[in-house]
Amino acid sequence: MTSDLQKLLNIIADTKKLIELAEEGEWDTVVELENTRDIAIKKLFDSKPDIEPSKLAEGIQFVLDKNKILTKYSLSQRDSIRMEISNAGHAHKAINAYLTTA
């Protein structure tokens, strides 16, 4: 059986991997891994974790800090997608205007 400390270390490793995947634009994989990590976090806290409180606090703070970075990447990606949709809408209107006048 995996120790609680090992579970926390796995969650931290997954958090680091999430940042890497976001930087690479691998958003489908980000979503999958984030779901897996969320389940692991819930399992860790099903009962009181058997981890030294300072190590647990340090691990939780690390995850929270990296989640802020991940949120920034996600918002940036969302804004990029919105821009692409807007540009596609403008192109669609231009094509339709051309076709109706041709």
C-alpha atoms as a PDB file:
ATOM      1  CA  MET A   1       0.000   0.000   0.000  1.00  0.00           C
ATOM      2  CA  THR A   2       1.225   3.470  -0.872  1.00  0.00           C
ATOM      3  CA  SER A   3       2.156   5.683   2.063  1.00  0.00           C
ATOM      4  CA  ASP A   4       0.483   9.043   2.473  1.00  0.00           C
ATOM      5  CA  LEU A   5       3.810  10.780   1.902  1.00  0.00           C
ATOM      6  CA  GLN A   6       4.234   8.919  -1.387  1.00  0.00           C
ATOM      7  CA  LYS A   7       0.684   9.920  -2.367  1.00  0.00           C
ATOM      8  CA  LEU A   8       1.569  13.558  -1.679  1.00  0.00           C
ATOM      9  CA  LEU A   9       4.781  13.257  -3.697  1.00  0.00           C
ATOM     10  CA  ASN A  10       2.777  11.770  -6.589  1.00  0.00           C
ATOM     11  CA  ILE A  11       0.319  14.688  -6.404  1.00  0.00           C
ATOM     12  CA  ILE A  12       3.243  17.130  -6.505  1.00  0.00           C
ATOM     13  CA  ALA A  13       4.739  15.290  -9.495  1.00  0.00           C
ATOM     14  CA  ASP A  14       1.378  15.404 -11.271  1.00  0.00           C
ATOM     15  CA  THR A  15       1.148  19.129 -10.530  1.00  0.00           C
ATOM     16  CA  LYS A  16       4.566  19.715 -12.092  1.00  0.00           C
ATOM     17  CA  LYS A  17       3.526  17.650 -15.111  1.00  0.00           C
ATOM     18  CA  LEU A  18       0.328  19.716 -15.472  1.00  0.00           C
ATOM     19  CA  ILE A  19       2.416  22.893 -15.791  1.00  0.00           C
ATOM     20  CA  GLU A  20       4.647  21.250 -18.411  1.00  0.00           C
ATOM     21  CA  LEU A  21       1.640  20.043 -20.397  1.00  0.00           C
ATOM     22  CA  ALA A  22       0.008  23.476 -20.256  1.00  0.00           C
ATOM     23  CA  GLU A  23       3.220  25.095 -21.484  1.00  0.00           C
ATOM     24  CA  GLU A  24       3.234  22.635 -24.390  1.00  0.00           C
ATOM     25  CA  GLY A  25      -0.431  23.300 -25.172  1.00  0.00           C
ATOM     26  CA  GLU A  26      -1.497  19.713 -24.446  1.00  0.00           C
ATOM     27  CA  TRP A  27      -4.886  20.740 -23.065  1.00  0.00           C
ATOM     28  CA  ASP A  28      -6.681  17.407 -23.510  1.00  0.00           C
ATOM     29  CA  THR A  29      -3.966  15.699 -21.482  1.00  0.00           C
ATOM     30  CA  VAL A  30      -4.087  18.524 -18.909  1.00  0.00           C
ATOM     31  CA  VAL A  31      -7.786  17.870 -18.354  1.00  0.00           C
ATOM     32  CA  GLU A  32      -7.256  14.113 -17.983  1.00  0.00           C
ATOM     33  CA  LEU A  33      -4.335  14.460 -15.580  1.00  0.00           C
ATOM     34  CA  GLU A  34      -6.099  17.142 -13.573  1.00  0.00           C
ATOM     35  CA  ASN A  35      -9.048  14.791 -13.052  1.00  0.00           C
ATOM     36  CA  THR A  36      -6.674  12.018 -11.961  1.00  0.00           C
ATOM     37  CA  ARG A  37      -4.862  14.381  -9.606  1.00  0.00           C
ATOM     38  CA  ASP A  38      -8.141  15.598  -8.086  1.00  0.00           C
ATOM     39  CA  ILE A  39      -9.107  12.003  -7.284  1.00  0.00           C
ATOM     40  CA  ALA A  40      -5.677  11.426  -5.709  1.00  0.00           C
ATOM     41  CA  ILE A  41      -6.064  14.544  -3.561  1.00  0.00           C
ATOM     42  CA  LYS A  42      -9.489  13.393  -2.367  1.00  0.00           C
ATOM     43  CA  LYS A  43      -8.110   9.928  -1.531  1.00  0.00           C
ATOM     44  CA  LEU A  44      -5.231  11.461   0.412  1.00  0.00           C
ATOM     45  CA  PHE A  45      -7.712  13.323   2.588  1.00  0.00           C
ATOM     46  CA  ASP A  46     -10.255  10.499   2.991  1.00  0.00           C
ATOM     47  CA  SER A  47      -8.764  10.249   6.450  1.00  0.00           C
ATOM     48  CA  LYS A  48      -6.180  12.291   8.313  1.00  0.00           C
ATOM     49  CA  PRO A  49      -2.949  11.977   6.272  1.00  0.00           C
ATOM     50  CA  ASP A  50      -0.077  10.318   8.099  1.00  0.00           C
ATOM     51  CA  ILE A  51       2.410  13.016   7.100  1.00  0.00           C
ATOM     52  CA  GLU A  52       4.443  15.388   9.223  1.00  0.00           C
ATOM     53  CA  PRO A  53       2.339  18.589   9.347  1.00  0.00           C
ATOM     54  CA  SER A  54       5.125  20.835   8.044  1.00  0.00           C
ATOM     55  CA  LYS A  55       5.718  18.534   5.037  1.00  0.00           C
ATOM     56  CA  LEU A  56       1.980  18.354   4.363  1.00  0.00           C
ATOM     57  CA  ALA A  57       1.669  22.138   4.564  1.00  0.00           C
ATOM     58  CA  GLU A  58       4.657  22.578   2.249  1.00  0.00           C
ATOM     59  CA  GLY A  59       3.182  20.148  -0.279  1.00  0.00           C
ATOM     60  CA  ILE A  60      -0.239  21.772  -0.192  1.00  0.00           C
ATOM     61  CA  GLN A  61       1.302  25.236  -0.611  1.00  0.00           C
ATOM     62  CA  PHE A  62       3.293  24.000  -3.607  1.00  0.00           C
ATOM     63  CA  VAL A  63       0.143  22.633  -5.254  1.00  0.00           C
ATOM     64  CA  LEU A  64      -1.766  25.857  -4.562  1.00  0.00           C
ATOM     65  CA  ASP A  65       1.028  28.010  -5.995  1.00  0.00           C
ATOM     66  CA  LYS A  66       1.282  25.895  -9.142  1.00  0.00           C
ATOM     67  CA  ASN A  67      -2.504  25.915  -9.525  1.00  0.00           C
ATOM     68  CA  LYS A  68      -2.322  29.720  -9.762  1.00  0.00           C
ATOM     69  CA  ILE A  69       0.159  29.378 -12.620  1.00  0.00           C
ATOM     70  CA  LEU A  70      -1.987  26.728 -14.280  1.00  0.00           C
ATOM     71  CA  THR A  71      -5.010  29.023 -14.001  1.00  0.00           C
ATOM     72  CA  LYS A  72      -3.076  31.800 -15.769  1.00  0.00           C
ATOM     73  CA  TYR A  73      -2.178  29.404 -18.593  1.00  0.00           C
ATOM     74  CA  SER A  74      -5.792  28.279 -18.836  1.00  0.00           C
ATOM     75  CA  LEU A  75      -7.093  31.847 -19.006  1.00  0.00           C
ATOM     76  CA  SER A  76      -4.523  32.703 -21.658  1.00  0.00           C
ATOM     77  CA  GLN A  77      -5.581  29.666 -23.694  1.00  0.00           C
ATOM     78  CA  ARG A  78      -9.234  30.634 -23.301  1.00  0.00           C
ATOM     79  CA  ASP A  79      -8.473  34.149 -24.549  1.00  0.00           C
ATOM     80  CA  SER A  80      -6.564  32.736 -27.533  1.00  0.00           C
ATOM     81  CA  ILE A  81      -9.491  30.508 -28.446  1.00  0.00           C
ATOM     82  CA  ARG A  82     -11.889  33.438 -28.160  1.00  0.00           C
ATOM     83  CA  MET A  83      -9.668  35.467 -30.501  1.00  0.00           C
ATOM     84  CA  GLU A  84      -9.554  32.612 -33.019  1.00  0.00           C
ATOM     85  CA  ILE A  85     -13.341  32.265 -32.912  1.00  0.00           C
ATOM     86  CA  SER A  86     -13.741  36.006 -33.381  1.00  0.00           C
ATOM     87  CA  ASN A  87     -11.349  36.002 -36.345  1.00  0.00           C
ATOM     88  CA  ALA A  88     -13.151  33.040 -37.882  1.00  0.00           C
ATOM     89  CA  GLY A  89     -16.448  34.897 -37.469  1.00  0.00           C
ATOM     90  CA  HIS A  90     -15.038  37.945 -39.255  1.00  0.00           C
ATOM     91  CA  ALA A  91     -13.702  35.774 -42.067  1.00  0.00           C
ATOM     92  CA  HIS A  92     -17.073  34.044 -42.381  1.00  0.00           C
ATOM     93  CA  LYS A  93     -18.846  37.412 -42.663  1.00  0.00           C
ATOM     94  CA  ALA A  94     -16.353  38.601 -45.271  1.00  0.00           C
ATOM     95  CA  ILE A  95     -16.841  35.449 -47.335  1.00  0.00           C
ATOM     96  CA  ASN A  96     -20.619  35.761 -47.125  1.00  0.00           C
ATOM     97  CA  ALA A  97     -20.453  39.445 -48.123  1.00  0.00           C
ATOM     98  CA  TYR A  98     -18.244  38.536 -51.098  1.00  0.00           C
ATOM     99  CA  LEU A  99     -20.537  35.717 -52.189  1.00  0.00           C
ATOM    100  CA  THR A 100     -23.682  37.870 -52.025  1.00  0.00           C
ATOM    101  CA  THR A 101     -22.105  40.637 -54.109  1.00  0.00           C
ATOM    102  CA  ALA A 102     -20.466  38.328 -56.642  1.00  0.00           C
END
